[in-house]
Amino acid sequence: MDYQTYLDNIEKKLKAYFDIYRDYSINGYEYDLFAKYHLRMERYVIHKKAVIYAMENNEYCLIKHFKSIDEDTLRNYTDSLIESINELVKPDENHMSSTITGVLVLDYKPEDNIIQKIKKFKYHKGFAFGFRGWADIRLILVTMDDNYIVTNKKGKEVKEVYSI
């Protein structure tokens, strides 16, 4: 499978729930695909304007293709995901959680040290001691030639969605 076919498949899987954009830039970092999903639940009394409480959950997916990857490239990518939290996540009194899924797509399987860094990657950020919610980052590596996929601990939740 080639990369464009993979991107089309992911877009088909996500389009029912996500708003999808191709060739999207966040903080000067270019992504091949950007998808966002917003869920808002609220409780109200008698009338919809009399809201008792509301909760918002957000999910963002950022996919980028690399010819090859080394430790610096991986660090730059994870740093861009961390920095994207400042632009994407707007914590307010209704915000509960936001999840950013970063998908790295390669043609061939990388070195073992890169795979171990992806498995060990962890990022969690709380806003106002958790009263304004939190943000987590999932990290996923997919290879085209041998259908290999590796994720960090949070990424296991959606591993099947991004597999070939």
N, C-alpha and C. Protein backbone atom coordinates (compact mmCIF):
# COMPACT_ATOMS: atom_id res chain seq x y z
N MET A 1 0.85 -1.18 0.00
CA MET A 1 0.00 0.00 0.00
C MET A 1 0.89 1.24 0.00
N ASP A 2 0.50 2.24 -0.75
CA ASP A 2 1.26 3.48 -0.75
C ASP A 2 0.63 4.46 0.24
N TYR A 3 1.34 5.55 0.47
CA TYR A 3 0.95 6.51 1.51
C TYR A 3 -0.38 7.20 1.19
N GLN A 4 -0.60 7.60 -0.05
CA GLN A 4 -1.85 8.30 -0.40
C GLN A 4 -3.06 7.40 -0.20
N THR A 5 -2.93 6.13 -0.50
CA THR A 5 -4.02 5.18 -0.27
C THR A 5 -4.30 5.05 1.22
N TYR A 6 -3.23 4.99 2.01
CA TYR A 6 -3.38 4.91 3.47
C TYR A 6 -4.10 6.15 4.00
N LEU A 7 -3.71 7.32 3.54
CA LEU A 7 -4.35 8.56 3.97
C LEU A 7 -5.83 8.59 3.59
N ASP A 8 -6.15 8.12 2.39
CA ASP A 8 -7.55 8.06 1.95
C ASP A 8 -8.35 7.10 2.83
N ASN A 9 -7.75 5.96 3.20
CA ASN A 9 -8.43 4.99 4.07
C ASN A 9 -8.70 5.58 5.45
N ILE A 10 -7.72 6.27 6.01
CA ILE A 10 -7.91 6.90 7.32
C ILE A 10 -8.99 7.96 7.24
N GLU A 11 -8.98 8.73 6.16
CA GLU A 11 -9.99 9.77 5.99
C GLU A 11 -11.39 9.16 5.92
N LYS A 12 -11.54 8.04 5.23
CA LYS A 12 -12.84 7.36 5.15
C LYS A 12 -13.29 6.88 6.53
N LYS A 13 -12.34 6.38 7.34
CA LYS A 13 -12.69 5.89 8.67
C LYS A 13 -13.13 7.03 9.60
N LEU A 14 -12.51 8.19 9.45
CA LEU A 14 -12.75 9.29 10.38
C LEU A 14 -13.84 10.27 9.94
N LYS A 15 -14.18 10.30 8.66
CA LYS A 15 -15.02 11.38 8.14
C LYS A 15 -16.42 11.44 8.74
N ALA A 16 -16.94 10.36 9.28
CA ALA A 16 -18.27 10.39 9.87
C ALA A 16 -18.30 11.17 11.18
N TYR A 17 -17.17 11.25 11.86
CA TYR A 17 -17.12 11.88 13.18
C TYR A 17 -16.22 13.11 13.26
N PHE A 18 -15.25 13.21 12.38
CA PHE A 18 -14.22 14.24 12.45
C PHE A 18 -14.37 15.25 11.32
N ASP A 19 -13.94 16.48 11.59
CA ASP A 19 -13.73 17.47 10.53
C ASP A 19 -12.30 17.26 10.06
N ILE A 20 -12.11 17.08 8.75
CA ILE A 20 -10.80 16.67 8.23
C ILE A 20 -10.25 17.75 7.30
N TYR A 21 -8.94 18.01 7.46
CA TYR A 21 -8.24 18.99 6.63
C TYR A 21 -6.94 18.37 6.15
N ARG A 22 -6.63 18.57 4.88
CA ARG A 22 -5.36 18.10 4.31
C ARG A 22 -4.36 19.26 4.32
N ASP A 23 -3.07 18.91 4.40
CA ASP A 23 -1.98 19.90 4.36
C ASP A 23 -2.23 21.05 5.32
N TYR A 24 -2.27 20.74 6.58
CA TYR A 24 -2.61 21.69 7.64
C TYR A 24 -1.35 22.08 8.40
N SER A 25 -1.26 23.33 8.81
CA SER A 25 -0.09 23.83 9.53
C SER A 25 -0.51 24.30 10.92
N ILE A 26 0.24 23.86 11.93
CA ILE A 26 0.03 24.31 13.31
C ILE A 26 1.39 24.77 13.84
N ASN A 27 1.47 26.01 14.26
CA ASN A 27 2.71 26.61 14.77
C ASN A 27 3.87 26.44 13.79
N GLY A 28 3.59 26.51 12.50
CA GLY A 28 4.63 26.41 11.48
C GLY A 28 5.05 25.00 11.14
N TYR A 29 4.46 24.00 11.75
CA TYR A 29 4.78 22.60 11.46
C TYR A 29 3.70 22.05 10.54
N GLU A 30 4.10 21.49 9.41
CA GLU A 30 3.17 21.01 8.39
C GLU A 30 2.77 19.56 8.65
N TYR A 31 1.47 19.30 8.62
CA TYR A 31 0.93 17.94 8.75
C TYR A 31 0.19 17.58 7.46
N ASP A 32 0.22 16.31 7.10
CA ASP A 32 -0.44 15.87 5.88
C ASP A 32 -1.95 15.78 6.07
N LEU A 33 -2.39 15.43 7.29
CA LEU A 33 -3.81 15.34 7.59
C LEU A 33 -4.04 15.81 9.02
N PHE A 34 -5.08 16.61 9.19
CA PHE A 34 -5.49 17.08 10.50
C PHE A 34 -6.98 16.80 10.64
N ALA A 35 -7.37 16.15 11.74
CA ALA A 35 -8.77 15.85 11.98
C ALA A 35 -9.12 16.29 13.40
N LYS A 36 -10.32 16.84 13.56
CA LYS A 36 -10.74 17.26 14.90
C LYS A 36 -12.17 16.82 15.17
N TYR A 37 -12.41 16.48 16.43
CA TYR A 37 -13.70 15.99 16.88
C TYR A 37 -14.04 16.68 18.19
N HIS A 38 -15.26 17.18 18.30
CA HIS A 38 -15.70 17.85 19.52
C HIS A 38 -17.01 17.20 19.99
N LEU A 39 -17.07 16.87 21.26
CA LEU A 39 -18.27 16.31 21.87
C LEU A 39 -18.64 17.17 23.07
N ARG A 40 -19.88 17.59 23.12
CA ARG A 40 -20.37 18.38 24.25
C ARG A 40 -21.63 17.73 24.80
N MET A 41 -21.61 17.46 26.09
CA MET A 41 -22.76 16.90 26.78
C MET A 41 -23.18 17.90 27.86
N GLU A 42 -24.48 18.08 28.00
CA GLU A 42 -24.94 19.00 29.04
C GLU A 42 -26.22 18.51 29.68
N ARG A 43 -26.42 18.93 30.91
CA ARG A 43 -27.64 18.67 31.65
C ARG A 43 -28.35 20.01 31.86
N TYR A 44 -29.65 19.98 31.68
CA TYR A 44 -30.41 21.20 31.88
C TYR A 44 -31.72 20.89 32.59
N VAL A 45 -32.34 21.92 33.10
CA VAL A 45 -33.59 21.79 33.82
C VAL A 45 -34.68 22.50 33.03
N ILE A 46 -35.74 21.83 32.71
CA ILE A 46 -36.95 22.32 32.05
C ILE A 46 -36.66 22.93 30.67
N HIS A 47 -35.74 23.86 30.59
CA HIS A 47 -35.46 24.56 29.35
C HIS A 47 -33.97 24.41 29.00
N LYS A 48 -33.65 24.33 27.72
CA LYS A 48 -32.27 24.10 27.30
C LYS A 48 -31.32 25.24 27.67
N LYS A 49 -31.87 26.40 27.95
CA LYS A 49 -31.02 27.52 28.35
C LYS A 49 -30.65 27.46 29.83
N ALA A 50 -31.33 26.64 30.59
CA ALA A 50 -31.05 26.49 32.02
C ALA A 50 -30.10 25.31 32.22
N VAL A 51 -28.86 25.49 31.81
CA VAL A 51 -27.85 24.43 31.86
C VAL A 51 -27.32 24.30 33.28
N ILE A 52 -27.35 23.08 33.79
CA ILE A 52 -26.79 22.80 35.12
C ILE A 52 -25.28 22.65 35.01
N TYR A 53 -24.85 21.79 34.10
CA TYR A 53 -23.42 21.62 33.84
C TYR A 53 -23.23 21.11 32.42
N ALA A 54 -22.01 21.25 31.92
CA ALA A 54 -21.67 20.77 30.59
C ALA A 54 -20.26 20.20 30.63
N MET A 55 -20.01 19.24 29.74
CA MET A 55 -18.68 18.63 29.61
C MET A 55 -18.31 18.59 28.14
N GLU A 56 -17.06 18.92 27.85
CA GLU A 56 -16.57 18.88 26.49
C GLU A 56 -15.37 17.95 26.40
N ASN A 57 -15.41 17.06 25.42
CA ASN A 57 -14.29 16.17 25.13
C ASN A 57 -13.88 16.42 23.68
N ASN A 58 -12.59 16.56 23.47
CA ASN A 58 -12.07 16.87 22.14
C ASN A 58 -11.01 15.85 21.76
N GLU A 59 -10.93 15.57 20.47
CA GLU A 59 -9.87 14.70 19.96
C GLU A 59 -9.32 15.31 18.68
N TYR A 60 -8.00 15.28 18.56
CA TYR A 60 -7.33 15.81 17.38
C TYR A 60 -6.38 14.75 16.85
N CYS A 61 -6.32 14.61 15.54
CA CYS A 61 -5.41 13.65 14.91
C CYS A 61 -4.50 14.40 13.96
N LEU A 62 -3.20 14.16 14.08
CA LEU A 62 -2.20 14.81 13.24
C LEU A 62 -1.33 13.73 12.59
N ILE A 63 -1.40 13.61 11.27
CA ILE A 63 -0.66 12.57 10.55
C ILE A 63 0.41 13.22 9.68
N LYS A 64 1.61 12.63 9.73
CA LYS A 64 2.73 13.13 8.93
C LYS A 64 3.54 11.97 8.39
N HIS A 65 3.94 12.06 7.14
CA HIS A 65 4.76 11.03 6.49
C HIS A 65 6.22 11.45 6.52
N PHE A 66 7.10 10.51 6.83
CA PHE A 66 8.54 10.74 6.84
C PHE A 66 9.21 9.69 5.97
N LYS A 67 10.24 10.10 5.22
CA LYS A 67 11.03 9.14 4.44
C LYS A 67 11.84 8.26 5.37
N SER A 68 12.46 8.90 6.36
CA SER A 68 13.22 8.17 7.39
C SER A 68 13.11 8.99 8.67
N ILE A 69 13.47 8.35 9.77
CA ILE A 69 13.34 9.03 11.05
C ILE A 69 14.54 8.71 11.93
N ASP A 70 15.01 9.75 12.63
CA ASP A 70 16.06 9.57 13.62
C ASP A 70 15.58 10.21 14.92
N GLU A 71 16.43 10.20 15.93
CA GLU A 71 16.01 10.71 17.24
C GLU A 71 15.64 12.19 17.19
N ASP A 72 16.39 12.98 16.42
CA ASP A 72 16.08 14.42 16.32
C ASP A 72 14.73 14.66 15.64
N THR A 73 14.46 13.93 14.58
CA THR A 73 13.18 14.07 13.88
C THR A 73 12.02 13.69 14.78
N LEU A 74 12.20 12.59 15.53
CA LEU A 74 11.16 12.16 16.47
C LEU A 74 10.95 13.20 17.56
N ARG A 75 12.04 13.75 18.10
CA ARG A 75 11.94 14.77 19.14
C ARG A 75 11.23 16.01 18.60
N ASN A 76 11.57 16.43 17.38
CA ASN A 76 10.91 17.60 16.77
C ASN A 76 9.41 17.35 16.60
N TYR A 77 9.06 16.13 16.18
CA TYR A 77 7.65 15.81 15.98
C TYR A 77 6.89 15.81 17.31
N THR A 78 7.44 15.17 18.33
CA THR A 78 6.77 15.13 19.63
C THR A 78 6.70 16.53 20.25
N ASP A 79 7.75 17.33 20.06
CA ASP A 79 7.72 18.71 20.54
C ASP A 79 6.61 19.51 19.84
N SER A 80 6.43 19.27 18.54
CA SER A 80 5.36 19.99 17.81
C SER A 80 3.98 19.56 18.32
N LEU A 81 3.83 18.29 18.70
CA LEU A 81 2.55 17.83 19.26
C LEU A 81 2.29 18.51 20.61
N ILE A 82 3.34 18.60 21.43
CA ILE A 82 3.20 19.24 22.75
C ILE A 82 2.87 20.73 22.59
N GLU A 83 3.54 21.39 21.65
CA GLU A 83 3.28 22.82 21.42
C GLU A 83 1.89 23.04 20.83
N SER A 84 1.37 22.06 20.09
CA SER A 84 0.05 22.23 19.48
C SER A 84 -1.05 22.28 20.53
N ILE A 85 -0.79 21.79 21.73
CA ILE A 85 -1.78 21.85 22.81
C ILE A 85 -2.17 23.30 23.08
N ASN A 86 -1.18 24.19 23.08
CA ASN A 86 -1.46 25.61 23.36
C ASN A 86 -2.40 26.23 22.33
N GLU A 87 -2.33 25.76 21.09
CA GLU A 87 -3.18 26.33 20.05
C GLU A 87 -4.53 25.61 19.95
N LEU A 88 -4.55 24.30 20.13
CA LEU A 88 -5.77 23.52 19.92
C LEU A 88 -6.69 23.47 21.13
N VAL A 89 -6.11 23.33 22.31
CA VAL A 89 -6.91 23.11 23.52
C VAL A 89 -7.23 24.44 24.18
N LYS A 90 -8.51 24.67 24.39
CA LYS A 90 -8.98 25.88 25.06
C LYS A 90 -9.68 25.48 26.36
N PRO A 91 -8.92 25.35 27.45
CA PRO A 91 -9.54 24.90 28.70
C PRO A 91 -10.41 25.98 29.32
N ASP A 92 -11.66 25.66 29.53
CA ASP A 92 -12.57 26.55 30.24
C ASP A 92 -13.32 25.72 31.26
N GLU A 93 -14.34 26.29 31.87
CA GLU A 93 -15.04 25.57 32.94
C GLU A 93 -15.76 24.33 32.45
N ASN A 94 -16.03 24.21 31.14
CA ASN A 94 -16.71 23.03 30.60
C ASN A 94 -15.76 21.99 30.02
N HIS A 95 -14.50 22.35 29.82
CA HIS A 95 -13.53 21.43 29.22
C HIS A 95 -13.23 20.27 30.16
N MET A 96 -13.35 19.05 29.65
CA MET A 96 -13.02 17.88 30.45
C MET A 96 -11.71 17.26 29.98
N SER A 97 -11.63 16.90 28.69
CA SER A 97 -10.40 16.28 28.21
C SER A 97 -10.18 16.57 26.74
N SER A 98 -8.92 16.56 26.37
CA SER A 98 -8.52 16.66 24.97
C SER A 98 -7.42 15.64 24.74
N THR A 99 -7.51 14.97 23.61
CA THR A 99 -6.51 13.97 23.26
C THR A 99 -5.97 14.31 21.89
N ILE A 100 -4.65 14.34 21.79
CA ILE A 100 -3.98 14.59 20.52
C ILE A 100 -3.31 13.29 20.10
N THR A 101 -3.66 12.82 18.91
CA THR A 101 -3.08 11.59 18.37
C THR A 101 -2.12 11.97 17.26
N GLY A 102 -0.85 11.69 17.48
CA GLY A 102 0.18 11.95 16.48
C GLY A 102 0.54 10.65 15.78
N VAL A 103 0.38 10.61 14.46
CA VAL A 103 0.67 9.40 13.69
C VAL A 103 1.84 9.68 12.76
N LEU A 104 2.92 8.93 12.96
CA LEU A 104 4.08 9.01 12.08
C LEU A 104 3.98 7.86 11.09
N VAL A 105 4.07 8.15 9.80
CA VAL A 105 4.00 7.11 8.79
C VAL A 105 5.35 7.03 8.09
N LEU A 106 5.91 5.83 8.06
CA LEU A 106 7.20 5.58 7.42
C LEU A 106 7.04 4.50 6.36
N ASP A 107 7.98 4.47 5.42
CA ASP A 107 7.97 3.41 4.42
C ASP A 107 8.53 2.12 4.99
N TYR A 108 9.60 2.25 5.81
CA TYR A 108 10.28 1.07 6.36
C TYR A 108 10.41 1.18 7.87
N LYS A 109 10.52 0.04 8.51
CA LYS A 109 10.64 -0.04 9.96
C LYS A 109 11.92 0.66 10.43
N PRO A 110 11.82 1.53 11.45
CA PRO A 110 13.01 2.25 11.94
C PRO A 110 13.84 1.39 12.88
N GLU A 111 14.91 1.99 13.39
CA GLU A 111 15.79 1.30 14.33
C GLU A 111 15.05 1.01 15.64
N ASP A 112 15.57 0.05 16.39
CA ASP A 112 14.93 -0.36 17.64
C ASP A 112 14.88 0.75 18.68
N ASN A 113 15.91 1.61 18.72
CA ASN A 113 15.89 2.69 19.72
C ASN A 113 14.75 3.68 19.46
N ILE A 114 14.39 3.90 18.21
CA ILE A 114 13.25 4.77 17.87
C ILE A 114 11.96 4.11 18.33
N ILE A 115 11.84 2.83 18.10
CA ILE A 115 10.63 2.09 18.50
C ILE A 115 10.48 2.14 20.03
N GLN A 116 11.58 1.98 20.75
CA GLN A 116 11.52 2.03 22.22
C GLN A 116 11.13 3.42 22.71
N LYS A 117 11.62 4.46 22.06
CA LYS A 117 11.26 5.83 22.45
C LYS A 117 9.77 6.09 22.22
N ILE A 118 9.22 5.54 21.16
CA ILE A 118 7.79 5.71 20.89
C ILE A 118 6.98 4.97 21.95
N LYS A 119 7.38 3.75 22.29
CA LYS A 119 6.66 2.97 23.30
C LYS A 119 6.68 3.65 24.67
N LYS A 120 7.78 4.34 24.99
CA LYS A 120 7.94 4.95 26.31
C LYS A 120 7.42 6.38 26.38
N PHE A 121 7.05 6.96 25.23
CA PHE A 121 6.61 8.35 25.22
C PHE A 121 5.33 8.50 26.04
N LYS A 122 5.30 9.53 26.88
CA LYS A 122 4.14 9.81 27.72
C LYS A 122 4.04 11.31 27.92
N TYR A 123 2.83 11.84 27.73
CA TYR A 123 2.62 13.26 28.00
C TYR A 123 1.19 13.46 28.50
N HIS A 124 1.08 14.11 29.63
CA HIS A 124 -0.21 14.44 30.24
C HIS A 124 -0.08 15.83 30.83
N LYS A 125 -1.06 16.67 30.55
CA LYS A 125 -1.04 18.03 31.08
C LYS A 125 -2.40 18.34 31.69
N GLY A 126 -2.41 18.74 32.93
CA GLY A 126 -3.64 19.15 33.61
C GLY A 126 -3.76 20.66 33.59
N PHE A 127 -4.98 21.14 33.53
CA PHE A 127 -5.24 22.57 33.52
C PHE A 127 -5.92 22.95 34.82
N ALA A 128 -5.36 23.91 35.55
CA ALA A 128 -5.90 24.38 36.82
C ALA A 128 -6.14 23.21 37.78
N PHE A 129 -5.08 22.41 37.96
CA PHE A 129 -5.12 21.25 38.86
C PHE A 129 -6.21 20.25 38.47
N GLY A 130 -6.57 20.19 37.20
CA GLY A 130 -7.58 19.26 36.72
C GLY A 130 -8.99 19.81 36.72
N PHE A 131 -9.20 20.96 37.34
CA PHE A 131 -10.54 21.54 37.37
C PHE A 131 -11.00 22.02 36.00
N ARG A 132 -10.07 22.32 35.12
CA ARG A 132 -10.40 22.72 33.76
C ARG A 132 -10.01 21.63 32.76
N GLY A 133 -9.91 20.40 33.25
CA GLY A 133 -9.66 19.27 32.38
C GLY A 133 -8.19 18.96 32.21
N TRP A 134 -7.90 18.15 31.20
CA TRP A 134 -6.53 17.70 30.94
C TRP A 134 -6.36 17.41 29.45
N ALA A 135 -5.11 17.19 29.08
CA ALA A 135 -4.77 16.83 27.70
C ALA A 135 -3.77 15.69 27.73
N ASP A 136 -3.94 14.73 26.84
CA ASP A 136 -3.03 13.60 26.70
C ASP A 136 -2.59 13.51 25.24
N ILE A 137 -1.42 12.88 25.04
CA ILE A 137 -0.92 12.68 23.68
C ILE A 137 -0.74 11.19 23.43
N ARG A 138 -1.32 10.73 22.33
CA ARG A 138 -1.09 9.37 21.84
C ARG A 138 -0.05 9.47 20.72
N LEU A 139 0.86 8.52 20.68
CA LEU A 139 1.87 8.50 19.63
C LEU A 139 1.84 7.15 18.93
N ILE A 140 1.73 7.18 17.60
CA ILE A 140 1.59 5.95 16.81
C ILE A 140 2.56 6.00 15.64
N LEU A 141 3.24 4.88 15.40
CA LEU A 141 4.13 4.74 14.25
C LEU A 141 3.58 3.64 13.36
N VAL A 142 3.40 3.94 12.07
CA VAL A 142 2.90 2.97 11.11
C VAL A 142 3.91 2.87 9.97
N THR A 143 4.23 1.63 9.56
CA THR A 143 5.12 1.45 8.41
C THR A 143 4.34 0.84 7.26
N MET A 144 4.63 1.29 6.05
CA MET A 144 3.90 0.87 4.86
C MET A 144 4.34 -0.49 4.34
N ASP A 145 5.63 -0.79 4.38
CA ASP A 145 6.13 -2.00 3.71
C ASP A 145 5.73 -3.30 4.40
N ASP A 146 5.71 -3.32 5.73
CA ASP A 146 5.41 -4.58 6.44
C ASP A 146 4.21 -4.47 7.38
N ASN A 147 3.40 -3.42 7.21
CA ASN A 147 2.19 -3.23 8.02
C ASN A 147 2.48 -3.28 9.52
N TYR A 148 3.61 -2.72 9.91
CA TYR A 148 4.02 -2.72 11.31
C TYR A 148 3.44 -1.48 11.99
N ILE A 149 2.94 -1.66 13.20
CA ILE A 149 2.41 -0.53 13.96
C ILE A 149 2.87 -0.65 15.40
N VAL A 150 3.32 0.47 15.96
CA VAL A 150 3.74 0.51 17.35
C VAL A 150 3.16 1.79 17.96
N THR A 151 2.75 1.70 19.23
CA THR A 151 2.13 2.84 19.89
C THR A 151 2.70 3.02 21.29
N ASN A 152 2.46 4.20 21.85
CA ASN A 152 2.72 4.36 23.27
C ASN A 152 1.53 3.78 24.03
N LYS A 153 1.55 3.86 25.33
CA LYS A 153 0.50 3.22 26.13
C LYS A 153 -0.88 3.79 25.80
N LYS A 154 -1.02 5.11 25.69
CA LYS A 154 -2.30 5.72 25.36
C LYS A 154 -2.76 5.39 23.94
N GLY A 155 -1.81 5.18 23.04
CA GLY A 155 -2.13 4.91 21.65
C GLY A 155 -2.76 3.55 21.41
N LYS A 156 -2.62 2.64 22.36
CA LYS A 156 -3.21 1.31 22.20
C LYS A 156 -4.73 1.37 22.10
N GLU A 157 -5.33 2.44 22.64
CA GLU A 157 -6.78 2.61 22.59
C GLU A 157 -7.30 2.71 21.16
N VAL A 158 -6.51 3.26 20.25
CA VAL A 158 -6.94 3.49 18.87
C VAL A 158 -6.05 2.82 17.83
N LYS A 159 -5.27 1.86 18.26
CA LYS A 159 -4.31 1.18 17.38
C LYS A 159 -4.98 0.61 16.15
N GLU A 160 -6.13 0.02 16.31
CA GLU A 160 -6.82 -0.63 15.20
C GLU A 160 -7.28 0.36 14.14
N VAL A 161 -7.64 1.54 14.55
CA VAL A 161 -8.13 2.56 13.60
C VAL A 161 -7.04 2.95 12.62
N TYR A 162 -5.80 3.06 13.11
CA TYR A 162 -4.71 3.55 12.27
C TYR A 162 -3.88 2.44 11.63
N SER A 163 -4.23 1.18 11.86
CA SER A 163 -3.50 0.08 11.23
C SER A 163 -3.89 0.00 9.76
N ILE A 164 -3.05 -0.66 9.01
CA ILE A 164 -3.26 -0.75 7.55
C ILE A 164 -4.26 -1.84 7.24
